[in-house]
Amino acid sequence: MTSPTKSAARRGGQTVQVRRGDIFLMVAVRPSDGVKNEVSFLAGYPFKKGSKVEAKVGPSKFSLFTDGENAWMPSPGDDDKVVAAFRRGSSTQLSGVSSRGTTTVDTFSLSGFTAALKSATGNCK
């Protein structure tokens, strides 16, 4: 789990200041539930209904579905692809649209990601 290193918000083409709750990018490992590499994003605001979150890692782009304040990859196979990109990348940007129409872009460092995932996988057997 990590918090953003940088966040920006725009509405109507203008940069705006917004209040948000907790913002986290997470990768869950729960072997007892058959879960590995489950990528999720907590935006700190409710997403616009039916909207998607775009994740960029270098030249790669991924689409997450939204529900409330959360976003997830559509399938475990997609989770594995994003995690592979996280291992190769140095940062990722997640862009979403709030229920009020504000577009946010959150940047997360991926420094230490591979070590953290190895640790979680080893500790959660």
N, C-alpha and C. Protein backbone atom coordinates (compact mmCIF):
# COMPACT_ATOMS: atom_id res chain seq x y z
N MET A 1 0.86 -1.17 0.00
CA MET A 1 0.00 0.00 0.00
C MET A 1 0.91 1.22 0.00
N THR A 2 0.52 2.22 -0.80
CA THR A 2 1.29 3.45 -0.86
C THR A 2 0.37 4.64 -1.08
N SER A 3 0.83 5.80 -0.65
CA SER A 3 0.12 7.07 -0.87
C SER A 3 0.76 7.80 -2.04
N PRO A 4 0.03 8.73 -2.65
CA PRO A 4 0.61 9.44 -3.79
C PRO A 4 1.74 10.38 -3.38
N THR A 5 2.69 10.55 -4.30
CA THR A 5 3.76 11.52 -4.11
C THR A 5 3.33 12.89 -4.64
N LYS A 6 2.31 12.87 -5.50
CA LYS A 6 1.81 14.11 -6.10
C LYS A 6 0.35 13.89 -6.51
N SER A 7 -0.47 14.92 -6.32
CA SER A 7 -1.88 14.88 -6.74
C SER A 7 -2.25 16.20 -7.39
N ALA A 8 -3.07 16.11 -8.44
CA ALA A 8 -3.55 17.32 -9.12
C ALA A 8 -5.03 17.12 -9.44
N ALA A 9 -5.76 18.24 -9.50
CA ALA A 9 -7.20 18.19 -9.82
C ALA A 9 -7.53 19.30 -10.80
N ARG A 10 -8.39 18.97 -11.78
CA ARG A 10 -8.83 19.94 -12.77
C ARG A 10 -10.34 19.83 -12.97
N ARG A 11 -10.97 20.98 -13.12
CA ARG A 11 -12.40 21.02 -13.42
C ARG A 11 -12.61 22.17 -14.40
N GLY A 12 -13.31 21.88 -15.49
CA GLY A 12 -13.57 22.91 -16.48
C GLY A 12 -12.31 23.50 -17.08
N GLY A 13 -11.26 22.68 -17.21
CA GLY A 13 -10.01 23.15 -17.78
C GLY A 13 -9.12 23.94 -16.84
N GLN A 14 -9.56 24.12 -15.59
CA GLN A 14 -8.80 24.90 -14.61
C GLN A 14 -8.30 24.00 -13.48
N THR A 15 -7.11 24.29 -13.00
CA THR A 15 -6.60 23.60 -11.82
C THR A 15 -7.40 24.09 -10.61
N VAL A 16 -7.86 23.13 -9.80
CA VAL A 16 -8.67 23.47 -8.63
C VAL A 16 -8.11 22.76 -7.39
N GLN A 17 -8.42 23.32 -6.23
CA GLN A 17 -8.10 22.68 -4.96
C GLN A 17 -9.33 21.88 -4.53
N VAL A 18 -9.13 20.64 -4.15
CA VAL A 18 -10.25 19.80 -3.72
C VAL A 18 -9.90 19.13 -2.40
N ARG A 19 -10.94 18.81 -1.64
CA ARG A 19 -10.78 18.04 -0.41
C ARG A 19 -11.03 16.58 -0.74
N ARG A 20 -10.12 15.76 -0.30
CA ARG A 20 -10.25 14.32 -0.54
C ARG A 20 -9.96 13.57 0.74
N GLY A 21 -10.52 12.39 0.82
CA GLY A 21 -10.19 11.49 1.92
C GLY A 21 -8.88 10.79 1.64
N ASP A 22 -8.68 9.65 2.28
CA ASP A 22 -7.46 8.87 2.09
C ASP A 22 -7.33 8.44 0.63
N ILE A 23 -6.10 8.46 0.14
CA ILE A 23 -5.78 8.05 -1.22
C ILE A 23 -4.72 6.96 -1.12
N PHE A 24 -5.02 5.77 -1.64
CA PHE A 24 -4.08 4.66 -1.57
C PHE A 24 -4.10 3.84 -2.85
N LEU A 25 -2.93 3.37 -3.25
CA LEU A 25 -2.79 2.34 -4.28
C LEU A 25 -2.35 1.09 -3.54
N MET A 26 -3.05 -0.01 -3.77
CA MET A 26 -2.79 -1.23 -3.00
C MET A 26 -2.67 -2.44 -3.90
N VAL A 27 -1.88 -3.41 -3.45
CA VAL A 27 -1.81 -4.72 -4.07
C VAL A 27 -2.00 -5.74 -2.96
N ALA A 28 -3.09 -6.49 -3.03
CA ALA A 28 -3.42 -7.46 -1.97
C ALA A 28 -2.88 -8.85 -2.30
N VAL A 29 -2.45 -9.54 -1.24
CA VAL A 29 -2.01 -10.93 -1.32
C VAL A 29 -2.74 -11.66 -0.21
N ARG A 30 -3.70 -12.52 -0.59
CA ARG A 30 -4.47 -13.29 0.39
C ARG A 30 -4.58 -14.74 -0.11
N PRO A 31 -3.54 -15.54 0.08
CA PRO A 31 -3.55 -16.91 -0.45
C PRO A 31 -4.74 -17.75 0.04
N SER A 32 -5.18 -17.54 1.27
CA SER A 32 -6.29 -18.34 1.80
C SER A 32 -7.59 -18.07 1.02
N ASP A 33 -7.65 -16.90 0.37
CA ASP A 33 -8.82 -16.56 -0.46
C ASP A 33 -8.53 -16.75 -1.95
N GLY A 34 -7.35 -17.28 -2.27
CA GLY A 34 -6.98 -17.47 -3.67
C GLY A 34 -6.63 -16.16 -4.37
N VAL A 35 -6.21 -15.16 -3.61
CA VAL A 35 -5.93 -13.84 -4.18
C VAL A 35 -4.43 -13.57 -4.17
N LYS A 36 -3.92 -13.21 -5.35
CA LYS A 36 -2.54 -12.73 -5.44
C LYS A 36 -2.54 -11.56 -6.42
N ASN A 37 -1.76 -10.55 -6.11
CA ASN A 37 -1.61 -9.41 -7.02
C ASN A 37 -2.91 -8.64 -7.28
N GLU A 38 -3.83 -8.57 -6.33
CA GLU A 38 -5.08 -7.85 -6.54
C GLU A 38 -4.84 -6.34 -6.40
N VAL A 39 -4.88 -5.64 -7.52
CA VAL A 39 -4.62 -4.21 -7.56
C VAL A 39 -5.91 -3.45 -7.28
N SER A 40 -5.85 -2.46 -6.37
CA SER A 40 -7.01 -1.62 -6.11
C SER A 40 -6.53 -0.20 -5.81
N PHE A 41 -7.45 0.75 -6.00
CA PHE A 41 -7.16 2.16 -5.83
C PHE A 41 -8.29 2.79 -5.05
N LEU A 42 -7.95 3.47 -3.97
CA LEU A 42 -8.91 4.23 -3.17
C LEU A 42 -8.66 5.70 -3.46
N ALA A 43 -9.65 6.39 -4.05
CA ALA A 43 -9.45 7.75 -4.57
C ALA A 43 -9.70 8.86 -3.56
N GLY A 44 -10.42 8.58 -2.48
CA GLY A 44 -10.72 9.63 -1.52
C GLY A 44 -11.89 10.50 -1.91
N TYR A 45 -12.66 10.05 -2.89
CA TYR A 45 -13.90 10.71 -3.34
C TYR A 45 -14.71 9.69 -4.12
N PRO A 46 -16.03 9.89 -4.26
CA PRO A 46 -16.82 8.96 -5.07
C PRO A 46 -16.60 9.25 -6.56
N PHE A 47 -16.36 8.18 -7.30
CA PHE A 47 -16.19 8.29 -8.75
C PHE A 47 -17.52 8.57 -9.44
N LYS A 48 -17.43 9.19 -10.60
CA LYS A 48 -18.60 9.35 -11.47
C LYS A 48 -19.09 7.95 -11.85
N LYS A 49 -20.39 7.73 -11.74
CA LYS A 49 -20.95 6.41 -12.04
C LYS A 49 -20.58 5.98 -13.45
N GLY A 50 -20.15 4.73 -13.57
CA GLY A 50 -19.80 4.17 -14.88
C GLY A 50 -18.46 4.62 -15.42
N SER A 51 -17.72 5.43 -14.66
CA SER A 51 -16.43 5.92 -15.16
C SER A 51 -15.34 4.87 -14.95
N LYS A 52 -14.23 5.08 -15.61
CA LYS A 52 -13.06 4.21 -15.50
C LYS A 52 -11.90 5.03 -14.94
N VAL A 53 -10.94 4.36 -14.36
CA VAL A 53 -9.69 4.96 -13.95
C VAL A 53 -8.63 4.46 -14.91
N GLU A 54 -7.79 5.38 -15.38
CA GLU A 54 -6.70 4.99 -16.25
C GLU A 54 -5.41 4.98 -15.44
N ALA A 55 -4.68 3.87 -15.52
CA ALA A 55 -3.37 3.76 -14.89
C ALA A 55 -2.32 3.74 -15.99
N LYS A 56 -1.29 4.57 -15.84
CA LYS A 56 -0.17 4.61 -16.79
C LYS A 56 1.10 4.23 -16.06
N VAL A 57 1.82 3.30 -16.66
CA VAL A 57 3.14 2.92 -16.16
C VAL A 57 4.04 2.94 -17.38
N GLY A 58 4.90 3.96 -17.48
CA GLY A 58 5.70 4.12 -18.69
C GLY A 58 4.76 4.22 -19.88
N PRO A 59 5.01 3.48 -20.95
CA PRO A 59 4.13 3.55 -22.12
C PRO A 59 2.86 2.69 -22.00
N SER A 60 2.76 1.89 -20.95
CA SER A 60 1.62 0.98 -20.79
C SER A 60 0.45 1.69 -20.12
N LYS A 61 -0.76 1.38 -20.60
CA LYS A 61 -1.99 1.93 -20.01
C LYS A 61 -2.93 0.80 -19.65
N PHE A 62 -3.62 0.97 -18.52
CA PHE A 62 -4.56 -0.03 -18.02
C PHE A 62 -5.83 0.67 -17.57
N SER A 63 -6.95 -0.02 -17.67
CA SER A 63 -8.24 0.54 -17.29
C SER A 63 -8.82 -0.22 -16.11
N LEU A 64 -9.20 0.53 -15.07
CA LEU A 64 -9.81 -0.05 -13.87
C LEU A 64 -11.28 0.36 -13.83
N PHE A 65 -12.15 -0.55 -13.37
CA PHE A 65 -13.55 -0.19 -13.19
C PHE A 65 -13.74 0.42 -11.81
N THR A 66 -14.78 1.24 -11.67
CA THR A 66 -15.00 1.96 -10.41
C THR A 66 -16.30 1.53 -9.74
N ASP A 67 -16.30 1.69 -8.42
CA ASP A 67 -17.49 1.46 -7.60
C ASP A 67 -17.30 2.28 -6.33
N GLY A 68 -18.13 3.32 -6.16
CA GLY A 68 -17.97 4.19 -5.00
C GLY A 68 -16.66 4.95 -5.09
N GLU A 69 -15.82 4.81 -4.06
CA GLU A 69 -14.52 5.47 -4.03
C GLU A 69 -13.38 4.55 -4.45
N ASN A 70 -13.71 3.35 -4.90
CA ASN A 70 -12.69 2.35 -5.21
C ASN A 70 -12.66 2.00 -6.69
N ALA A 71 -11.49 1.50 -7.11
CA ALA A 71 -11.33 1.03 -8.49
C ALA A 71 -10.48 -0.24 -8.47
N TRP A 72 -10.80 -1.16 -9.38
CA TRP A 72 -10.10 -2.45 -9.47
C TRP A 72 -9.88 -2.80 -10.93
N MET A 73 -8.93 -3.69 -11.14
CA MET A 73 -8.71 -4.27 -12.47
C MET A 73 -9.87 -5.24 -12.74
N PRO A 74 -10.23 -5.43 -14.02
CA PRO A 74 -11.38 -6.27 -14.34
C PRO A 74 -11.19 -7.77 -14.07
N SER A 75 -9.93 -8.25 -14.04
CA SER A 75 -9.72 -9.69 -13.87
C SER A 75 -8.36 -9.97 -13.22
N PRO A 76 -8.19 -11.17 -12.65
CA PRO A 76 -6.88 -11.52 -12.10
C PRO A 76 -5.77 -11.47 -13.14
N GLY A 77 -6.07 -11.82 -14.38
CA GLY A 77 -5.06 -11.73 -15.44
C GLY A 77 -4.61 -10.30 -15.67
N ASP A 78 -5.56 -9.37 -15.60
CA ASP A 78 -5.21 -7.95 -15.73
C ASP A 78 -4.38 -7.49 -14.53
N ASP A 79 -4.73 -7.98 -13.33
CA ASP A 79 -3.93 -7.66 -12.14
C ASP A 79 -2.46 -8.06 -12.36
N ASP A 80 -2.26 -9.27 -12.89
CA ASP A 80 -0.90 -9.77 -13.12
C ASP A 80 -0.14 -8.88 -14.11
N LYS A 81 -0.82 -8.40 -15.14
CA LYS A 81 -0.18 -7.53 -16.13
C LYS A 81 0.24 -6.20 -15.50
N VAL A 82 -0.62 -5.62 -14.67
CA VAL A 82 -0.29 -4.36 -14.01
C VAL A 82 0.86 -4.56 -13.03
N VAL A 83 0.82 -5.62 -12.27
CA VAL A 83 1.89 -5.89 -11.31
C VAL A 83 3.22 -6.07 -12.05
N ALA A 84 3.23 -6.74 -13.18
CA ALA A 84 4.45 -6.88 -13.98
C ALA A 84 4.96 -5.50 -14.42
N ALA A 85 4.04 -4.62 -14.82
CA ALA A 85 4.43 -3.25 -15.20
C ALA A 85 4.95 -2.48 -13.99
N PHE A 86 4.31 -2.65 -12.82
CA PHE A 86 4.78 -1.99 -11.60
C PHE A 86 6.22 -2.41 -11.28
N ARG A 87 6.53 -3.68 -11.49
CA ARG A 87 7.88 -4.18 -11.20
C ARG A 87 8.92 -3.52 -12.10
N ARG A 88 8.53 -3.23 -13.34
CA ARG A 88 9.46 -2.62 -14.30
C ARG A 88 9.53 -1.10 -14.18
N GLY A 89 8.47 -0.48 -13.66
CA GLY A 89 8.37 0.97 -13.67
C GLY A 89 8.96 1.66 -12.46
N SER A 90 9.09 2.98 -12.58
CA SER A 90 9.57 3.78 -11.46
C SER A 90 8.44 4.58 -10.81
N SER A 91 7.36 4.81 -11.58
CA SER A 91 6.19 5.51 -11.05
C SER A 91 4.97 5.14 -11.88
N THR A 92 3.80 5.42 -11.32
CA THR A 92 2.55 5.21 -12.04
C THR A 92 1.63 6.39 -11.76
N GLN A 93 0.81 6.70 -12.75
CA GLN A 93 -0.19 7.77 -12.61
C GLN A 93 -1.57 7.16 -12.77
N LEU A 94 -2.47 7.49 -11.84
CA LEU A 94 -3.85 7.05 -11.94
C LEU A 94 -4.74 8.28 -12.09
N SER A 95 -5.58 8.24 -13.11
CA SER A 95 -6.45 9.38 -13.44
C SER A 95 -7.90 8.93 -13.37
N GLY A 96 -8.72 9.68 -12.63
CA GLY A 96 -10.13 9.36 -12.48
C GLY A 96 -10.98 10.61 -12.49
N VAL A 97 -12.31 10.41 -12.57
CA VAL A 97 -13.26 11.52 -12.59
C VAL A 97 -14.24 11.35 -11.44
N SER A 98 -14.38 12.41 -10.65
CA SER A 98 -15.27 12.36 -9.49
C SER A 98 -16.73 12.53 -9.91
N SER A 99 -17.62 12.25 -8.97
CA SER A 99 -19.06 12.42 -9.22
C SER A 99 -19.40 13.88 -9.51
N ARG A 100 -18.53 14.81 -9.16
CA ARG A 100 -18.73 16.24 -9.43
C ARG A 100 -18.09 16.68 -10.75
N GLY A 101 -17.44 15.73 -11.44
CA GLY A 101 -16.83 16.05 -12.72
C GLY A 101 -15.40 16.54 -12.65
N THR A 102 -14.77 16.43 -11.49
CA THR A 102 -13.37 16.82 -11.34
C THR A 102 -12.47 15.67 -11.76
N THR A 103 -11.49 15.97 -12.59
CA THR A 103 -10.51 14.97 -13.00
C THR A 103 -9.30 15.07 -12.07
N THR A 104 -8.91 13.94 -11.53
CA THR A 104 -7.74 13.91 -10.66
C THR A 104 -6.66 13.04 -11.28
N VAL A 105 -5.42 13.42 -11.02
CA VAL A 105 -4.27 12.62 -11.43
C VAL A 105 -3.38 12.46 -10.21
N ASP A 106 -3.19 11.22 -9.80
CA ASP A 106 -2.35 10.91 -8.65
C ASP A 106 -1.13 10.14 -9.13
N THR A 107 0.04 10.58 -8.69
CA THR A 107 1.30 9.93 -9.05
C THR A 107 1.82 9.16 -7.84
N PHE A 108 2.19 7.91 -8.07
CA PHE A 108 2.70 7.04 -7.02
C PHE A 108 4.09 6.55 -7.40
N SER A 109 5.01 6.57 -6.45
CA SER A 109 6.34 6.00 -6.66
C SER A 109 6.24 4.48 -6.61
N LEU A 110 7.00 3.82 -7.45
CA LEU A 110 7.06 2.35 -7.43
C LEU A 110 8.39 1.87 -6.87
N SER A 111 9.16 2.79 -6.31
CA SER A 111 10.43 2.44 -5.70
C SER A 111 10.16 1.49 -4.53
N GLY A 112 10.81 0.36 -4.53
CA GLY A 112 10.64 -0.63 -3.47
C GLY A 112 9.45 -1.56 -3.68
N PHE A 113 8.74 -1.42 -4.80
CA PHE A 113 7.55 -2.24 -5.02
C PHE A 113 7.86 -3.73 -5.03
N THR A 114 8.87 -4.12 -5.79
CA THR A 114 9.19 -5.55 -5.92
C THR A 114 9.54 -6.15 -4.56
N ALA A 115 10.33 -5.45 -3.78
CA ALA A 115 10.71 -5.95 -2.44
C ALA A 115 9.49 -6.05 -1.54
N ALA A 116 8.61 -5.05 -1.59
CA ALA A 116 7.41 -5.07 -0.75
C ALA A 116 6.49 -6.23 -1.13
N LEU A 117 6.33 -6.46 -2.42
CA LEU A 117 5.47 -7.56 -2.86
C LEU A 117 6.06 -8.91 -2.48
N LYS A 118 7.38 -9.06 -2.62
CA LYS A 118 8.03 -10.31 -2.20
C LYS A 118 7.83 -10.53 -0.70
N SER A 119 7.97 -9.48 0.08
CA SER A 119 7.77 -9.59 1.52
C SER A 119 6.34 -9.99 1.86
N ALA A 120 5.37 -9.35 1.23
CA ALA A 120 3.96 -9.67 1.48
C ALA A 120 3.67 -11.11 1.08
N THR A 121 4.17 -11.52 -0.06
CA THR A 121 3.94 -12.89 -0.53
C THR A 121 4.55 -13.90 0.43
N GLY A 122 5.76 -13.61 0.92
CA GLY A 122 6.43 -14.52 1.86
C GLY A 122 5.76 -14.56 3.22
N ASN A 123 5.26 -13.43 3.68
CA ASN A 123 4.63 -13.35 5.00
C ASN A 123 3.19 -13.81 5.03
N CYS A 124 2.55 -13.88 3.89
CA CYS A 124 1.12 -14.21 3.83
C CYS A 124 0.89 -15.60 3.27
N LYS A 125 1.66 -16.57 3.74
CA LYS A 125 1.48 -17.94 3.27
C LYS A 125 0.44 -18.59 4.11
